[in-house]
PDB file of N, CA and C in Angstrom:
ATOM      1  N   MET A   1      -4.998  12.073   4.565  1.00  0.00           N
ATOM      2  CA  MET A   1      -5.071  10.624   4.487  1.00  0.00           C
ATOM      3  C   MET A   1      -3.988  10.053   5.397  1.00  0.00           C
ATOM      4  N   ARG A   2      -4.313   9.018   6.092  1.00  0.00           N
ATOM      5  CA  ARG A   2      -3.375   8.408   7.025  1.00  0.00           C
ATOM      6  C   ARG A   2      -2.381   7.525   6.277  1.00  0.00           C
ATOM      7  N   ASP A   3      -1.302   7.147   6.949  1.00  0.00           N
ATOM      8  CA  ASP A   3      -0.317   6.240   6.370  1.00  0.00           C
ATOM      9  C   ASP A   3      -0.918   4.843   6.353  1.00  0.00           C
ATOM     10  N   ILE A   4      -1.172   4.303   5.144  1.00  0.00           N
ATOM     11  CA  ILE A   4      -1.907   3.045   5.042  1.00  0.00           C
ATOM     12  C   ILE A   4      -1.049   1.890   4.549  1.00  0.00           C
ATOM     13  N   SER A   5       0.245   2.081   4.470  1.00  0.00           N
ATOM     14  CA  SER A   5       1.118   1.016   4.000  1.00  0.00           C
ATOM     15  C   SER A   5       1.253  -0.073   5.068  1.00  0.00           C
ATOM     16  N   VAL A   6       0.993  -1.303   4.685  1.00  0.00           N
ATOM     17  CA  VAL A   6       1.113  -2.442   5.591  1.00  0.00           C
ATOM     18  C   VAL A   6       2.085  -3.433   4.972  1.00  0.00           C
ATOM     19  N   VAL A   7       3.102  -3.807   5.713  1.00  0.00           N
ATOM     20  CA  VAL A   7       4.108  -4.748   5.224  1.00  0.00           C
ATOM     21  C   VAL A   7       3.463  -6.107   4.997  1.00  0.00           C
ATOM     22  N   GLY A   8       3.759  -6.713   3.855  1.00  0.00           N
ATOM     23  CA  GLY A   8       3.260  -8.050   3.569  1.00  0.00           C
ATOM     24  C   GLY A   8       1.979  -8.083   2.767  1.00  0.00           C
ATOM     25  N   LEU A   9       1.340  -6.930   2.561  1.00  0.00           N
ATOM     26  CA  LEU A   9       0.123  -6.883   1.759  1.00  0.00           C
ATOM     27  C   LEU A   9       0.436  -6.282   0.394  1.00  0.00           C
ATOM     28  N   SER A  10      -0.100  -6.876  -0.644  1.00  0.00           N
ATOM     29  CA  SER A  10       0.134  -6.389  -1.999  1.00  0.00           C
ATOM     30  C   SER A  10      -0.753  -5.183  -2.286  1.00  0.00           C
ATOM     31  N   PRO A  11      -0.271  -4.283  -3.143  1.00  0.00           N
ATOM     32  CA  PRO A  11      -1.088  -3.129  -3.506  1.00  0.00           C
ATOM     33  C   PRO A  11      -2.283  -3.539  -4.350  1.00  0.00           C
ATOM     34  N   SER A  12      -3.263  -2.656  -4.413  1.00  0.00           N
ATOM     35  CA  SER A  12      -4.460  -2.864  -5.221  1.00  0.00           C
ATOM     36  C   SER A  12      -4.474  -1.853  -6.357  1.00  0.00           C
ATOM     37  N   ARG A  13      -4.900  -2.287  -7.525  1.00  0.00           N
ATOM     38  CA  ARG A  13      -5.019  -1.382  -8.679  1.00  0.00           C
ATOM     39  C   ARG A  13      -6.454  -0.881  -8.764  1.00  0.00           C
ATOM     40  N   VAL A  14      -6.594   0.429  -8.928  1.00  0.00           N
ATOM     41  CA  VAL A  14      -7.905   1.065  -9.036  1.00  0.00           C
ATOM     42  C   VAL A  14      -8.007   1.717 -10.405  1.00  0.00           C
ATOM     43  N   THR A  15      -9.119   1.488 -11.092  1.00  0.00           N
ATOM     44  CA  THR A  15      -9.441   2.193 -12.323  1.00  0.00           C
ATOM     45  C   THR A  15     -10.753   2.915 -12.071  1.00  0.00           C
ATOM     46  N   ALA A  16     -10.730   4.238 -12.233  1.00  0.00           N
ATOM     47  CA  ALA A  16     -11.909   5.060 -11.976  1.00  0.00           C
ATOM     48  C   ALA A  16     -12.280   5.804 -13.253  1.00  0.00           C
ATOM     49  N   VAL A  17     -13.561   5.734 -13.603  1.00  0.00           N
ATOM     50  CA  VAL A  17     -14.085   6.489 -14.731  1.00  0.00           C
ATOM     51  C   VAL A  17     -14.854   7.664 -14.158  1.00  0.00           C
ATOM     52  N   LEU A  18     -14.364   8.856 -14.462  1.00  0.00           N
ATOM     53  CA  LEU A  18     -15.058  10.073 -14.070  1.00  0.00           C
ATOM     54  C   LEU A  18     -15.724  10.643 -15.307  1.00  0.00           C
ATOM     55  N   GLU A  19     -16.616  11.578 -15.105  1.00  0.00           N
ATOM     56  CA  GLU A  19     -17.242  12.231 -16.250  1.00  0.00           C
ATOM     57  C   GLU A  19     -16.147  12.894 -17.081  1.00  0.00           C
ATOM     58  N   GLY A  20     -15.820  12.322 -18.229  1.00  0.00           N
ATOM     59  CA  GLY A  20     -14.826  12.891 -19.115  1.00  0.00           C
ATOM     60  C   GLY A  20     -13.387  12.485 -18.838  1.00  0.00           C
ATOM     61  N   SER A  21     -13.128  11.618 -17.882  1.00  0.00           N
ATOM     62  CA  SER A  21     -11.753  11.225 -17.550  1.00  0.00           C
ATOM     63  C   SER A  21     -11.686   9.750 -17.174  1.00  0.00           C
ATOM     64  N   LEU A  22     -10.514   9.166 -17.366  1.00  0.00           N
ATOM     65  CA  LEU A  22     -10.230   7.801 -16.938  1.00  0.00           C
ATOM     66  C   LEU A  22      -8.910   7.828 -16.190  1.00  0.00           C
ATOM     67  N   LEU A  23      -8.897   7.290 -14.981  1.00  0.00           N
ATOM     68  CA  LEU A  23      -7.698   7.277 -14.152  1.00  0.00           C
ATOM     69  C   LEU A  23      -7.405   5.861 -13.687  1.00  0.00           C
ATOM     70  N   SER A  24      -6.127   5.551 -13.575  1.00  0.00           N
ATOM     71  CA  SER A  24      -5.707   4.285 -13.017  1.00  0.00           C
ATOM     72  C   SER A  24      -4.570   4.581 -12.049  1.00  0.00           C
ATOM     73  N   PHE A  25      -4.650   4.001 -10.842  1.00  0.00           N
ATOM     74  CA  PHE A  25      -3.616   4.238  -9.851  1.00  0.00           C
ATOM     75  C   PHE A  25      -3.549   3.057  -8.899  1.00  0.00           C
ATOM     76  N   MET A  26      -2.442   2.997  -8.163  1.00  0.00           N
ATOM     77  CA  MET A  26      -2.221   1.919  -7.199  1.00  0.00           C
ATOM     78  C   MET A  26      -2.483   2.437  -5.787  1.00  0.00           C
ATOM     79  N   LEU A  27      -3.033   1.572  -4.955  1.00  0.00           N
ATOM     80  CA  LEU A  27      -3.204   1.857  -3.534  1.00  0.00           C
ATOM     81  C   LEU A  27      -2.371   0.859  -2.749  1.00  0.00           C
ATOM     82  N   PRO A  28      -1.723   1.312  -1.681  1.00  0.00           N
ATOM     83  CA  PRO A  28      -0.899   0.399  -0.892  1.00  0.00           C
ATOM     84  C   PRO A  28      -1.727  -0.689  -0.211  1.00  0.00           C
ATOM     85  N   GLY A  29      -1.094  -1.800   0.108  1.00  0.00           N
ATOM     86  CA  GLY A  29      -1.758  -2.869   0.837  1.00  0.00           C
ATOM     87  C   GLY A  29      -2.293  -2.351   2.162  1.00  0.00           C
ATOM     88  N   GLY A  30      -3.456  -2.815   2.562  1.00  0.00           N
ATOM     89  CA  GLY A  30      -4.064  -2.376   3.811  1.00  0.00           C
ATOM     90  C   GLY A  30      -5.009  -1.207   3.659  1.00  0.00           C
ATOM     91  N   THR A  31      -5.175  -0.710   2.440  1.00  0.00           N
ATOM     92  CA  THR A  31      -6.079   0.399   2.194  1.00  0.00           C
ATOM     93  C   THR A  31      -7.514  -0.032   2.490  1.00  0.00           C
ATOM     94  N   THR A  32      -8.275   0.837   3.134  1.00  0.00           N
ATOM     95  CA  THR A  32      -9.674   0.554   3.432  1.00  0.00           C
ATOM     96  C   THR A  32     -10.579   1.230   2.400  1.00  0.00           C
ATOM     97  N   PHE A  33     -11.852   0.871   2.404  1.00  0.00           N
ATOM     98  CA  PHE A  33     -12.807   1.539   1.517  1.00  0.00           C
ATOM     99  C   PHE A  33     -12.937   3.017   1.881  1.00  0.00           C
ATOM    100  N   GLU A  34     -12.784   3.341   3.149  1.00  0.00           N
ATOM    101  CA  GLU A  34     -12.817   4.748   3.568  1.00  0.00           C
ATOM    102  C   GLU A  34     -11.645   5.512   2.951  1.00  0.00           C
ATOM    103  N   ASP A  35     -10.454   4.901   2.948  1.00  0.00           N
ATOM    104  CA  ASP A  35      -9.286   5.523   2.323  1.00  0.00           C
ATOM    105  C   ASP A  35      -9.526   5.737   0.830  1.00  0.00           C
ATOM    106  N   LEU A  36     -10.091   4.731   0.172  1.00  0.00           N
ATOM    107  CA  LEU A  36     -10.381   4.828  -1.258  1.00  0.00           C
ATOM    108  C   LEU A  36     -11.390   5.943  -1.516  1.00  0.00           C
ATOM    109  N   ALA A  37     -12.435   6.034  -0.705  1.00  0.00           N
ATOM    110  CA  ALA A  37     -13.450   7.092  -0.871  1.00  0.00           C
ATOM    111  C   ALA A  37     -12.814   8.474  -0.713  1.00  0.00           C
ATOM    112  N   ASP A  38     -11.920   8.631   0.273  1.00  0.00           N
ATOM    113  CA  ASP A  38     -11.227   9.909   0.460  1.00  0.00           C
ATOM    114  C   ASP A  38     -10.388  10.255  -0.774  1.00  0.00           C
ATOM    115  N   ARG A  39      -9.654   9.273  -1.273  1.00  0.00           N
ATOM    116  CA  ARG A  39      -8.816   9.505  -2.457  1.00  0.00           C
ATOM    117  C   ARG A  39      -9.668   9.918  -3.653  1.00  0.00           C
ATOM    118  N   LEU A  40     -10.789   9.217  -3.868  1.00  0.00           N
ATOM    119  CA  LEU A  40     -11.664   9.553  -4.993  1.00  0.00           C
ATOM    120  C   LEU A  40     -12.285  10.933  -4.828  1.00  0.00           C
ATOM    121  N   ASP A  41     -12.605  11.308  -3.602  1.00  0.00           N
ATOM    122  CA  ASP A  41     -13.165  12.631  -3.336  1.00  0.00           C
ATOM    123  C   ASP A  41     -12.155  13.713  -3.710  1.00  0.00           C
ATOM    124  N   HIS A  42     -10.893  13.514  -3.309  1.00  0.00           N
ATOM    125  CA  HIS A  42      -9.844  14.487  -3.638  1.00  0.00           C
ATOM    126  C   HIS A  42      -9.613  14.562  -5.142  1.00  0.00           C
ATOM    127  N   ILE A  43      -9.623  13.411  -5.799  1.00  0.00           N
ATOM    128  CA  ILE A  43      -9.424  13.387  -7.252  1.00  0.00           C
ATOM    129  C   ILE A  43     -10.565  14.110  -7.944  1.00  0.00           C
ATOM    130  N   GLY A  44     -11.792  13.843  -7.519  1.00  0.00           N
ATOM    131  CA  GLY A  44     -12.954  14.507  -8.110  1.00  0.00           C
ATOM    132  C   GLY A  44     -12.898  16.010  -7.946  1.00  0.00           C
ATOM    133  N   ASP A  45     -12.461  16.475  -6.774  1.00  0.00           N
ATOM    134  CA  ASP A  45     -12.324  17.919  -6.539  1.00  0.00           C
ATOM    135  C   ASP A  45     -11.255  18.523  -7.441  1.00  0.00           C
ATOM    136  N   ARG A  46     -10.149  17.803  -7.604  1.00  0.00           N
ATOM    137  CA  ARG A  46      -9.020  18.316  -8.376  1.00  0.00           C
ATOM    138  C   ARG A  46      -9.292  18.299  -9.877  1.00  0.00           C
ATOM    139  N   ILE A  47      -9.848  17.191 -10.366  1.00  0.00           N
ATOM    140  CA  ILE A  47     -10.060  17.028 -11.803  1.00  0.00           C
ATOM    141  C   ILE A  47     -11.424  17.558 -12.230  1.00  0.00           C
ATOM    142  N   GLY A  48     -12.390  17.436 -11.354  1.00  0.00           N
ATOM    143  CA  GLY A  48     -13.753  17.831 -11.688  1.00  0.00           C
ATOM    144  C   GLY A  48     -14.534  16.637 -12.203  1.00  0.00           C
ATOM    145  N   GLY A  49     -15.786  16.608 -11.907  1.00  0.00           N
ATOM    146  CA  GLY A  49     -16.635  15.508 -12.338  1.00  0.00           C
ATOM    147  C   GLY A  49     -16.773  14.454 -11.261  1.00  0.00           C
ATOM    148  N   ARG A  50     -17.818  13.684 -11.371  1.00  0.00           N
ATOM    149  CA  ARG A  50     -18.070  12.638 -10.384  1.00  0.00           C
ATOM    150  C   ARG A  50     -17.666  11.279 -10.950  1.00  0.00           C
ATOM    151  N   VAL A  51     -17.428  10.343 -10.062  1.00  0.00           N
ATOM    152  CA  VAL A  51     -17.073   8.982 -10.461  1.00  0.00           C
ATOM    153  C   VAL A  51     -18.334   8.291 -10.978  1.00  0.00           C
ATOM    154  N   VAL A  52     -18.248   7.726 -12.185  1.00  0.00           N
ATOM    155  CA  VAL A  52     -19.391   7.019 -12.756  1.00  0.00           C
ATOM    156  C   VAL A  52     -19.173   5.508 -12.783  1.00  0.00           C
ATOM    157  N   ALA A  53     -17.920   5.064 -12.674  1.00  0.00           N
ATOM    158  CA  ALA A  53     -17.621   3.630 -12.621  1.00  0.00           C
ATOM    159  C   ALA A  53     -16.295   3.437 -11.892  1.00  0.00           C
ATOM    160  N   LEU A  54     -16.174   2.289 -11.232  1.00  0.00           N
ATOM    161  CA  LEU A  54     -14.987   2.016 -10.439  1.00  0.00           C
ATOM    162  C   LEU A  54     -14.673   0.527 -10.501  1.00  0.00           C
ATOM    163  N   LYS A  55     -13.404   0.212 -10.727  1.00  0.00           N
ATOM    164  CA  LYS A  55     -12.952  -1.181 -10.716  1.00  0.00           C
ATOM    165  C   LYS A  55     -11.751  -1.258  -9.786  1.00  0.00           C
ATOM    166  N   VAL A  56     -11.784  -2.178  -8.844  1.00  0.00           N
ATOM    167  CA  VAL A  56     -10.673  -2.362  -7.912  1.00  0.00           C
ATOM    168  C   VAL A  56     -10.208  -3.811  -8.023  1.00  0.00           C
ATOM    169  N   LYS A  57      -8.932  -3.988  -8.321  1.00  0.00           N
ATOM    170  CA  LYS A  57      -8.347  -5.322  -8.336  1.00  0.00           C
ATOM    171  C   LYS A  57      -7.481  -5.408  -7.086  1.00  0.00           C
ATOM    172  N   PHE A  58      -7.963  -6.144  -6.095  1.00  0.00           N
ATOM    173  CA  PHE A  58      -7.289  -6.236  -4.811  1.00  0.00           C
ATOM    174  C   PHE A  58      -6.042  -7.106  -4.908  1.00  0.00           C
ATOM    175  N   GLY A  59      -4.979  -6.654  -4.264  1.00  0.00           N
ATOM    176  CA  GLY A  59      -3.762  -7.448  -4.153  1.00  0.00           C
ATOM    177  C   GLY A  59      -4.010  -8.568  -3.158  1.00  0.00           C
ATOM    178  N   SER A  60      -3.173  -9.558  -3.189  1.00  0.00           N
ATOM    179  CA  SER A  60      -3.343 -10.674  -2.259  1.00  0.00           C
ATOM    180  C   SER A  60      -2.292 -10.607  -1.166  1.00  0.00           C
ATOM    181  N   SER A  61      -2.627 -11.128  -0.032  1.00  0.00           N
ATOM    182  CA  SER A  61      -1.714 -11.187   1.097  1.00  0.00           C
ATOM    183  C   SER A  61      -0.932 -12.491   1.027  1.00  0.00           C
ATOM    184  N   PRO A  62       0.360 -12.463   1.243  1.00  0.00           N
ATOM    185  CA  PRO A  62       1.135 -13.711   1.219  1.00  0.00           C
ATOM    186  C   PRO A  62       0.670 -14.716   2.263  1.00  0.00           C
ATOM    187  N   GLU A  63       0.100 -14.224   3.376  1.00  0.00           N
ATOM    188  CA  GLU A  63      -0.392 -15.135   4.406  1.00  0.00           C
ATOM    189  C   GLU A  63      -1.671 -15.859   3.950  1.00  0.00           C
ATOM    190  N   ILE A  64      -2.433 -15.207   3.089  1.00  0.00           N
ATOM    191  CA  ILE A  64      -3.688 -15.792   2.612  1.00  0.00           C
ATOM    192  C   ILE A  64      -3.431 -16.715   1.426  1.00  0.00           C
ATOM    193  N   TRP A  65      -2.546 -16.305   0.530  1.00  0.00           N
ATOM    194  CA  TRP A  65      -2.270 -17.074  -0.671  1.00  0.00           C
ATOM    195  C   TRP A  65      -0.791 -17.482  -0.676  1.00  0.00           C
ATOM    196  N   PRO A  66      -0.466 -18.569  -0.003  1.00  0.00           N
ATOM    197  CA  PRO A  66       0.947 -18.987   0.061  1.00  0.00           C
ATOM    198  C   PRO A  66       1.463 -19.411  -1.307  1.00  0.00           C
ATOM    199  N   ASN A  67       2.752 -19.247  -1.492  1.00  0.00           N
ATOM    200  CA  ASN A  67       3.400 -19.647  -2.727  1.00  0.00           C
ATOM    201  C   ASN A  67       3.536 -21.177  -2.738  1.00  0.00           C
ATOM    202  N   THR A  68       2.839 -21.813  -3.681  1.00  0.00           N
ATOM    203  CA  THR A  68       2.876 -23.271  -3.771  1.00  0.00           C
ATOM    204  C   THR A  68       3.756 -23.731  -4.920  1.00  0.00           C
ATOM    205  N   GLY A  69       4.400 -22.780  -5.599  1.00  0.00           N
ATOM    206  CA  GLY A  69       5.192 -23.105  -6.779  1.00  0.00           C
ATOM    207  C   GLY A  69       6.527 -23.527  -6.421  1.00  0.00           C
TER     208      GLY A  69
END
């Protein structure tokens, strides 16, 4: 997996339901769907079972969502 950390982008939280397992982990800002697919493939190989459900809560970029407070 390539270095996907991008300064200024918030991380994204991923919750993956595999057959018999539930995992939650953070991905650095700038992660692509290809990066996520690679990570899930490695997790599936390591833990066993296929992904049956996936939830991704994307972080926001400070440039997109300025602080108005």
